[in-house]
PDB file of N, CA and C in Angstrom:
ATOM      1  N   MET A   1       0.830  -1.189   0.000  1.00  0.00           N
ATOM      2  CA  MET A   1       0.000   0.000   0.000  1.00  0.00           C
ATOM      3  C   MET A   1       0.870   1.247   0.000  1.00  0.00           C
ATOM      4  N   ILE A   2       0.398   2.271  -0.598  1.00  0.00           N
ATOM      5  CA  ILE A   2       1.047   3.579  -0.594  1.00  0.00           C
ATOM      6  C   ILE A   2       0.003   4.594  -0.159  1.00  0.00           C
ATOM      7  N   THR A   3       0.418   5.541   0.642  1.00  0.00           N
ATOM      8  CA  THR A   3      -0.512   6.574   1.087  1.00  0.00           C
ATOM      9  C   THR A   3      -0.293   7.834   0.259  1.00  0.00           C
ATOM     10  N   SER A   4      -1.295   8.688   0.281  1.00  0.00           N
ATOM     11  CA  SER A   4      -1.179   9.952  -0.434  1.00  0.00           C
ATOM     12  C   SER A   4      -0.043  10.788   0.158  1.00  0.00           C
ATOM     13  N   ALA A   5       0.145  10.725   1.469  1.00  0.00           N
ATOM     14  CA  ALA A   5       1.236  11.462   2.106  1.00  0.00           C
ATOM     15  C   ALA A   5       2.597  10.934   1.645  1.00  0.00           C
ATOM     16  N   GLN A   6       2.719   9.616   1.483  1.00  0.00           N
ATOM     17  CA  GLN A   6       3.966   9.044   0.975  1.00  0.00           C
ATOM     18  C   GLN A   6       4.245   9.534  -0.446  1.00  0.00           C
ATOM     19  N   MET A   7       3.209   9.606  -1.258  1.00  0.00           N
ATOM     20  CA  MET A   7       3.388  10.079  -2.629  1.00  0.00           C
ATOM     21  C   MET A   7       3.906  11.512  -2.636  1.00  0.00           C
ATOM     22  N   ARG A   8       3.278  12.373  -1.850  1.00  0.00           N
ATOM     23  CA  ARG A   8       3.702  13.777  -1.804  1.00  0.00           C
ATOM     24  C   ARG A   8       5.122  13.901  -1.256  1.00  0.00           C
ATOM     25  N   ALA A   9       5.427  13.121  -0.205  1.00  0.00           N
ATOM     26  CA  ALA A   9       6.768  13.169   0.389  1.00  0.00           C
ATOM     27  C   ALA A   9       7.821  12.653  -0.589  1.00  0.00           C
ATOM     28  N   ALA A  10       7.511  11.586  -1.295  1.00  0.00           N
ATOM     29  CA  ALA A  10       8.459  11.029  -2.269  1.00  0.00           C
ATOM     30  C   ALA A  10       8.721  12.035  -3.387  1.00  0.00           C
ATOM     31  N   ARG A  11       7.669  12.701  -3.849  1.00  0.00           N
ATOM     32  CA  ARG A  11       7.865  13.723  -4.883  1.00  0.00           C
ATOM     33  C   ARG A  11       8.739  14.860  -4.363  1.00  0.00           C
ATOM     34  N   ALA A  12       8.495  15.244  -3.097  1.00  0.00           N
ATOM     35  CA  ALA A  12       9.283  16.330  -2.508  1.00  0.00           C
ATOM     36  C   ALA A  12      10.756  15.939  -2.414  1.00  0.00           C
ATOM     37  N   LEU A  13      11.037  14.690  -2.012  1.00  0.00           N
ATOM     38  CA  LEU A  13      12.422  14.231  -1.935  1.00  0.00           C
ATOM     39  C   LEU A  13      13.100  14.272  -3.304  1.00  0.00           C
ATOM     40  N   LEU A  14      12.337  13.959  -4.333  1.00  0.00           N
ATOM     41  CA  LEU A  14      12.890  13.963  -5.692  1.00  0.00           C
ATOM     42  C   LEU A  14      12.901  15.358  -6.308  1.00  0.00           C
ATOM     43  N   GLY A  15      12.138  16.278  -5.704  1.00  0.00           N
ATOM     44  CA  GLY A  15      12.053  17.629  -6.251  1.00  0.00           C
ATOM     45  C   GLY A  15      11.305  17.691  -7.559  1.00  0.00           C
ATOM     46  N   ILE A  16      10.254  16.863  -7.674  1.00  0.00           N
ATOM     47  CA  ILE A  16       9.473  16.821  -8.918  1.00  0.00           C
ATOM     48  C   ILE A  16       8.023  17.209  -8.635  1.00  0.00           C
ATOM     49  N   ASP A  17       7.330  17.621  -9.676  1.00  0.00           N
ATOM     50  CA  ASP A  17       5.913  17.930  -9.526  1.00  0.00           C
ATOM     51  C   ASP A  17       5.064  16.755 -10.018  1.00  0.00           C
ATOM     52  N   GLN A  18       3.768  16.909  -9.910  1.00  0.00           N
ATOM     53  CA  GLN A  18       2.861  15.824 -10.293  1.00  0.00           C
ATOM     54  C   GLN A  18       2.987  15.482 -11.771  1.00  0.00           C
ATOM     55  N   ARG A  19       3.212  16.473 -12.592  1.00  0.00           N
ATOM     56  CA  ARG A  19       3.334  16.228 -14.041  1.00  0.00           C
ATOM     57  C   ARG A  19       4.531  15.317 -14.345  1.00  0.00           C
ATOM     58  N   VAL A  20       5.648  15.572 -13.691  1.00  0.00           N
ATOM     59  CA  VAL A  20       6.842  14.744 -13.911  1.00  0.00           C
ATOM     60  C   VAL A  20       6.594  13.321 -13.420  1.00  0.00           C
ATOM     61  N   LEU A  21       5.935  13.176 -12.256  1.00  0.00           N
ATOM     62  CA  LEU A  21       5.612  11.833 -11.767  1.00  0.00           C
ATOM     63  C   LEU A  21       4.710  11.106 -12.757  1.00  0.00           C
ATOM     64  N   ALA A  22       3.756  11.808 -13.323  1.00  0.00           N
ATOM     65  CA  ALA A  22       2.870  11.197 -14.325  1.00  0.00           C
ATOM     66  C   ALA A  22       3.684  10.678 -15.503  1.00  0.00           C
ATOM     67  N   GLU A  23       4.634  11.482 -15.968  1.00  0.00           N
ATOM     68  CA  GLU A  23       5.481  11.064 -17.096  1.00  0.00           C
ATOM     69  C   GLU A  23       6.366   9.881 -16.716  1.00  0.00           C
ATOM     70  N   MET A  24       6.944   9.926 -15.521  1.00  0.00           N
ATOM     71  CA  MET A  24       7.833   8.844 -15.069  1.00  0.00           C
ATOM     72  C   MET A  24       7.094   7.519 -14.949  1.00  0.00           C
ATOM     73  N   SER A  25       5.836   7.577 -14.535  1.00  0.00           N
ATOM     74  CA  SER A  25       5.085   6.358 -14.254  1.00  0.00           C
ATOM     75  C   SER A  25       4.199   5.901 -15.407  1.00  0.00           C
ATOM     76  N   GLY A  26       3.992   6.768 -16.382  1.00  0.00           N
ATOM     77  CA  GLY A  26       3.095   6.426 -17.483  1.00  0.00           C
ATOM     78  C   GLY A  26       1.632   6.465 -17.072  1.00  0.00           C
ATOM     79  N   VAL A  27       1.342   7.259 -16.046  1.00  0.00           N
ATOM     80  CA  VAL A  27      -0.016   7.422 -15.527  1.00  0.00           C
ATOM     81  C   VAL A  27      -0.447   8.851 -15.832  1.00  0.00           C
ATOM     82  N   SER A  28      -1.730   9.068 -16.100  1.00  0.00           N
ATOM     83  CA  SER A  28      -2.183  10.415 -16.448  1.00  0.00           C
ATOM     84  C   SER A  28      -2.069  11.372 -15.264  1.00  0.00           C
ATOM     85  N   LEU A  29      -1.881  12.645 -15.572  1.00  0.00           N
ATOM     86  CA  LEU A  29      -1.804  13.676 -14.535  1.00  0.00           C
ATOM     87  C   LEU A  29      -3.067  13.710 -13.669  1.00  0.00           C
ATOM     88  N   PRO A  30      -4.276  13.668 -14.258  1.00  0.00           N
ATOM     89  CA  PRO A  30      -5.472  13.661 -13.406  1.00  0.00           C
ATOM     90  C   PRO A  30      -5.512  12.463 -12.443  1.00  0.00           C
ATOM     91  N   THR A  31      -4.972  11.329 -12.864  1.00  0.00           N
ATOM     92  CA  THR A  31      -4.936  10.155 -11.982  1.00  0.00           C
ATOM     93  C   THR A  31      -3.985  10.404 -10.820  1.00  0.00           C
ATOM     94  N   ILE A  32      -2.816  10.963 -11.095  1.00  0.00           N
ATOM     95  CA  ILE A  32      -1.867  11.298 -10.019  1.00  0.00           C
ATOM     96  C   ILE A  32      -2.525  12.291  -9.065  1.00  0.00           C
ATOM     97  N   GLN A  33      -3.205  13.281  -9.595  1.00  0.00           N
ATOM     98  CA  GLN A  33      -3.872  14.281  -8.759  1.00  0.00           C
ATOM     99  C   GLN A  33      -4.927  13.637  -7.867  1.00  0.00           C
ATOM    100  N   ARG A  34      -5.710  12.728  -8.423  1.00  0.00           N
ATOM    101  CA  ARG A  34      -6.737  12.025  -7.624  1.00  0.00           C
ATOM    102  C   ARG A  34      -6.085  11.167  -6.550  1.00  0.00           C
ATOM    103  N   MET A  35      -5.013  10.490  -6.905  1.00  0.00           N
ATOM    104  CA  MET A  35      -4.331   9.630  -5.939  1.00  0.00           C
ATOM    105  C   MET A  35      -3.823  10.453  -4.756  1.00  0.00           C
ATOM    106  N   GLU A  36      -3.209  11.585  -5.045  1.00  0.00           N
ATOM    107  CA  GLU A  36      -2.655  12.416  -3.977  1.00  0.00           C
ATOM    108  C   GLU A  36      -3.730  13.146  -3.181  1.00  0.00           C
ATOM    109  N   ALA A  37      -4.897  13.316  -3.744  1.00  0.00           N
ATOM    110  CA  ALA A  37      -5.984  13.991  -3.035  1.00  0.00           C
ATOM    111  C   ALA A  37      -6.754  13.034  -2.128  1.00  0.00           C
ATOM    112  N   SER A  38      -6.495  11.742  -2.261  1.00  0.00           N
ATOM    113  CA  SER A  38      -7.222  10.766  -1.448  1.00  0.00           C
ATOM    114  C   SER A  38      -6.780  10.860   0.009  1.00  0.00           C
ATOM    115  N   ASP A  39      -7.579  10.311   0.864  1.00  0.00           N
ATOM    116  CA  ASP A  39      -7.310  10.330   2.302  1.00  0.00           C
ATOM    117  C   ASP A  39      -6.717   8.992   2.713  1.00  0.00           C
ATOM    118  N   GLY A  40      -5.545   8.988   3.283  1.00  0.00           N
ATOM    119  CA  GLY A  40      -4.929   7.744   3.745  1.00  0.00           C
ATOM    120  C   GLY A  40      -4.380   6.931   2.598  1.00  0.00           C
ATOM    121  N   ASN A  41      -4.648   5.616   2.637  1.00  0.00           N
ATOM    122  CA  ASN A  41      -4.161   4.720   1.583  1.00  0.00           C
ATOM    123  C   ASN A  41      -4.768   5.087   0.237  1.00  0.00           C
ATOM    124  N   VAL A  42      -3.923   5.105  -0.771  1.00  0.00           N
ATOM    125  CA  VAL A  42      -4.382   5.407  -2.122  1.00  0.00           C
ATOM    126  C   VAL A  42      -5.134   4.190  -2.644  1.00  0.00           C
ATOM    127  N   ARG A  43      -6.298   4.446  -3.170  1.00  0.00           N
ATOM    128  CA  ARG A  43      -7.086   3.365  -3.765  1.00  0.00           C
ATOM    129  C   ARG A  43      -7.115   3.581  -5.273  1.00  0.00           C
ATOM    130  N   GLY A  44      -7.124   2.482  -5.980  1.00  0.00           N
ATOM    131  CA  GLY A  44      -7.165   2.595  -7.426  1.00  0.00           C
ATOM    132  C   GLY A  44      -6.893   1.256  -8.066  1.00  0.00           C
ATOM    133  N   VAL A  45      -6.739   1.288  -9.362  1.00  0.00           N
ATOM    134  CA  VAL A  45      -6.431   0.085 -10.126  1.00  0.00           C
ATOM    135  C   VAL A  45      -5.030  -0.372  -9.730  1.00  0.00           C
ATOM    136  N   ILE A  46      -4.892  -1.642  -9.407  1.00  0.00           N
ATOM    137  CA  ILE A  46      -3.621  -2.186  -8.938  1.00  0.00           C
ATOM    138  C   ILE A  46      -2.503  -1.889  -9.933  1.00  0.00           C
ATOM    139  N   ASP A  47      -2.756  -2.049 -11.214  1.00  0.00           N
ATOM    140  CA  ASP A  47      -1.741  -1.802 -12.235  1.00  0.00           C
ATOM    141  C   ASP A  47      -1.231  -0.359 -12.161  1.00  0.00           C
ATOM    142  N   THR A  48      -2.131   0.576 -11.912  1.00  0.00           N
ATOM    143  CA  THR A  48      -1.761   1.987 -11.803  1.00  0.00           C
ATOM    144  C   THR A  48      -0.899   2.223 -10.571  1.00  0.00           C
ATOM    145  N   LEU A  49      -1.289   1.649  -9.447  1.00  0.00           N
ATOM    146  CA  LEU A  49      -0.513   1.787  -8.217  1.00  0.00           C
ATOM    147  C   LEU A  49       0.895   1.216  -8.396  1.00  0.00           C
ATOM    148  N   VAL A  50       0.983   0.071  -9.046  1.00  0.00           N
ATOM    149  CA  VAL A  50       2.276  -0.574  -9.282  1.00  0.00           C
ATOM    150  C   VAL A  50       3.155   0.312 -10.155  1.00  0.00           C
ATOM    151  N   LYS A  51       2.587   0.959 -11.164  1.00  0.00           N
ATOM    152  CA  LYS A  51       3.359   1.849 -12.034  1.00  0.00           C
ATOM    153  C   LYS A  51       3.960   3.006 -11.247  1.00  0.00           C
ATOM    154  N   VAL A  52       3.181   3.573 -10.337  1.00  0.00           N
ATOM    155  CA  VAL A  52       3.665   4.707  -9.541  1.00  0.00           C
ATOM    156  C   VAL A  52       4.755   4.248  -8.577  1.00  0.00           C
ATOM    157  N   VAL A  53       4.520   3.139  -7.885  1.00  0.00           N
ATOM    158  CA  VAL A  53       5.519   2.611  -6.950  1.00  0.00           C
ATOM    159  C   VAL A  53       6.803   2.262  -7.697  1.00  0.00           C
ATOM    160  N   ASP A  54       6.692   1.625  -8.852  1.00  0.00           N
ATOM    161  CA  ASP A  54       7.869   1.274  -9.657  1.00  0.00           C
ATOM    162  C   ASP A  54       8.633   2.518 -10.087  1.00  0.00           C
ATOM    163  N   ALA A  55       7.923   3.572 -10.462  1.00  0.00           N
ATOM    164  CA  ALA A  55       8.581   4.813 -10.869  1.00  0.00           C
ATOM    165  C   ALA A  55       9.383   5.396  -9.711  1.00  0.00           C
ATOM    166  N   PHE A  56       8.801   5.388  -8.510  1.00  0.00           N
ATOM    167  CA  PHE A  56       9.534   5.878  -7.343  1.00  0.00           C
ATOM    168  C   PHE A  56      10.763   5.019  -7.073  1.00  0.00           C
ATOM    169  N   GLU A  57      10.614   3.710  -7.169  1.00  0.00           N
ATOM    170  CA  GLU A  57      11.746   2.813  -6.896  1.00  0.00           C
ATOM    171  C   GLU A  57      12.864   3.015  -7.915  1.00  0.00           C
ATOM    172  N   ARG A  58      12.525   3.192  -9.183  1.00  0.00           N
ATOM    173  CA  ARG A  58      13.539   3.448 -10.205  1.00  0.00           C
ATOM    174  C   ARG A  58      14.275   4.758  -9.936  1.00  0.00           C
ATOM    175  N   ALA A  59      13.576   5.706  -9.299  1.00  0.00           N
ATOM    176  CA  ALA A  59      14.170   7.009  -8.992  1.00  0.00           C
ATOM    177  C   ALA A  59      14.942   6.991  -7.673  1.00  0.00           C
ATOM    178  N   GLY A  60      14.966   5.835  -6.992  1.00  0.00           N
ATOM    179  CA  GLY A  60      15.740   5.715  -5.765  1.00  0.00           C
ATOM    180  C   GLY A  60      14.967   5.920  -4.482  1.00  0.00           C
ATOM    181  N   ILE A  61      13.647   5.899  -4.560  1.00  0.00           N
ATOM    182  CA  ILE A  61      12.809   6.085  -3.374  1.00  0.00           C
ATOM    183  C   ILE A  61      12.369   4.726  -2.850  1.00  0.00           C
ATOM    184  N   GLU A  62      12.547   4.505  -1.544  1.00  0.00           N
ATOM    185  CA  GLU A  62      12.050   3.293  -0.885  1.00  0.00           C
ATOM    186  C   GLU A  62      10.809   3.666  -0.092  1.00  0.00           C
ATOM    187  N   LEU A  63       9.692   3.063  -0.427  1.00  0.00           N
ATOM    188  CA  LEU A  63       8.449   3.292   0.309  1.00  0.00           C
ATOM    189  C   LEU A  63       8.366   2.264   1.428  1.00  0.00           C
ATOM    190  N   ILE A  64       8.304   2.747   2.655  1.00  0.00           N
ATOM    191  CA  ILE A  64       8.333   1.872   3.824  1.00  0.00           C
ATOM    192  C   ILE A  64       6.925   1.765   4.401  1.00  0.00           C
ATOM    193  N   GLY A  65       6.416   0.548   4.483  1.00  0.00           N
ATOM    194  CA  GLY A  65       5.100   0.326   5.060  1.00  0.00           C
ATOM    195  C   GLY A  65       5.107   0.496   6.574  1.00  0.00           C
ATOM    196  N   GLU A  66       3.937   0.725   7.126  1.00  0.00           N
ATOM    197  CA  GLU A  66       3.805   0.897   8.571  1.00  0.00           C
ATOM    198  C   GLU A  66       4.334  -0.327   9.309  1.00  0.00           C
ATOM    199  N   GLY A  67       5.226  -0.101  10.246  1.00  0.00           N
ATOM    200  CA  GLY A  67       5.789  -1.193  11.039  1.00  0.00           C
ATOM    201  C   GLY A  67       6.898  -1.965  10.355  1.00  0.00           C
ATOM    202  N   ALA A  68       7.210  -1.617   9.115  1.00  0.00           N
ATOM    203  CA  ALA A  68       8.246  -2.336   8.368  1.00  0.00           C
ATOM    204  C   ALA A  68       9.603  -1.666   8.568  1.00  0.00           C
ATOM    205  N   ALA A  69      10.643  -2.468   8.512  1.00  0.00           N
ATOM    206  CA  ALA A  69      12.004  -1.944   8.589  1.00  0.00           C
ATOM    207  C   ALA A  69      12.461  -1.537   7.203  1.00  0.00           C
ATOM    208  N   SER A  70      13.370  -0.599   7.140  1.00  0.00           N
ATOM    209  CA  SER A  70      13.950  -0.195   5.877  1.00  0.00           C
ATOM    210  C   SER A  70      14.987  -1.237   5.470  1.00  0.00           C
ATOM    211  N   ALA A  71      14.824  -1.805   4.302  1.00  0.00           N
ATOM    212  CA  ALA A  71      15.728  -2.859   3.838  1.00  0.00           C
ATOM    213  C   ALA A  71      17.106  -2.312   3.489  1.00  0.00           C
ATOM    214  N   GLU A  72      17.164  -1.085   3.035  1.00  0.00           N
ATOM    215  CA  GLU A  72      18.423  -0.505   2.571  1.00  0.00           C
ATOM    216  C   GLU A  72      19.214   0.169   3.677  1.00  0.00           C
ATOM    217  N   GLY A  73      18.565   0.567   4.737  1.00  0.00           N
ATOM    218  CA  GLY A  73      19.261   1.191   5.849  1.00  0.00           C
ATOM    219  C   GLY A  73      19.731   2.609   5.595  1.00  0.00           C
ATOM    220  N   GLY A  74      19.255   3.233   4.534  1.00  0.00           N
ATOM    221  CA  GLY A  74      19.628   4.611   4.253  1.00  0.00           C
ATOM    222  C   GLY A  74      18.858   5.585   5.125  1.00  0.00           C
ATOM    223  N   ARG A  75      19.124   6.853   4.928  1.00  0.00           N
ATOM    224  CA  ARG A  75      18.410   7.878   5.676  1.00  0.00           C
ATOM    225  C   ARG A  75      16.959   7.911   5.255  1.00  0.00           C
ATOM    226  N   GLY A  76      16.108   8.359   6.145  1.00  0.00           N
ATOM    227  CA  GLY A  76      14.697   8.447   5.820  1.00  0.00           C
ATOM    228  C   GLY A  76      13.930   9.215   6.874  1.00  0.00           C
ATOM    229  N   VAL A  77      12.664   9.378   6.630  1.00  0.00           N
ATOM    230  CA  VAL A  77      11.769  10.070   7.543  1.00  0.00           C
ATOM    231  C   VAL A  77      10.501   9.253   7.661  1.00  0.00           C
ATOM    232  N   ARG A  78      10.021   9.106   8.882  1.00  0.00           N
ATOM    233  CA  ARG A  78       8.749   8.412   9.068  1.00  0.00           C
ATOM    234  C   ARG A  78       8.133   8.862  10.369  1.00  0.00           C
ATOM    235  N   PHE A  79       6.814   8.680  10.507  1.00  0.00           N
ATOM    236  CA  PHE A  79       6.119   8.962  11.751  1.00  0.00           C
ATOM    237  C   PHE A  79       6.528   7.925  12.785  1.00  0.00           C
ATOM    238  N   LYS A  80       6.660   8.337  14.035  1.00  0.00           N
ATOM    239  CA  LYS A  80       6.923   7.388  15.099  1.00  0.00           C
ATOM    240  C   LYS A  80       5.681   6.558  15.371  1.00  0.00           C
ATOM    241  N   GLN A  81       4.533   7.192  15.322  1.00  0.00           N
ATOM    242  CA  GLN A  81       3.255   6.513  15.538  1.00  0.00           C
ATOM    243  C   GLN A  81       2.281   7.071  14.509  1.00  0.00           C
ATOM    244  N   PRO A  82       1.271   6.282  14.150  1.00  0.00           N
ATOM    245  CA  PRO A  82       0.269   6.823  13.224  1.00  0.00           C
ATOM    246  C   PRO A  82      -0.352   8.090  13.810  1.00  0.00           C
ATOM    247  N   GLN A  83      -0.464   9.118  12.996  1.00  0.00           N
ATOM    248  CA  GLN A  83      -1.004  10.393  13.442  1.00  0.00           C
ATOM    249  C   GLN A  83      -2.502  10.466  13.143  1.00  0.00           C
ATOM    250  N   PRO A  84      -3.288  10.966  14.093  1.00  0.00           N
ATOM    251  CA  PRO A  84      -4.729  11.119  13.831  1.00  0.00           C
ATOM    252  C   PRO A  84      -4.958  12.170  12.762  1.00  0.00           C
ATOM    253  N   ARG A  85      -5.989  11.996  12.011  1.00  0.00           N
ATOM    254  CA  ARG A  85      -6.322  12.956  10.936  1.00  0.00           C
ATOM    255  C   ARG A  85      -7.357  13.927  11.417  1.00  0.00           C
TER     256      ARG A  85
END
């Protein structure tokens, strides 16, 4: 799973806007906009989610799930505990 906050944070780390992410992932800009506007976990077509996650991974971003350890051990940022909305 990927959250809308993870998507925005990953884009910020890469210094890219939604249009560039759309191009990198082969997903339409309106789809990226809808994904980032969602609350919590991004919902959508699995193939679309996989394209976005793959694009981030190719760009060097590791998306870490809740409670999961970072496999690469590099620097990162995460919430200590889930934050209420």
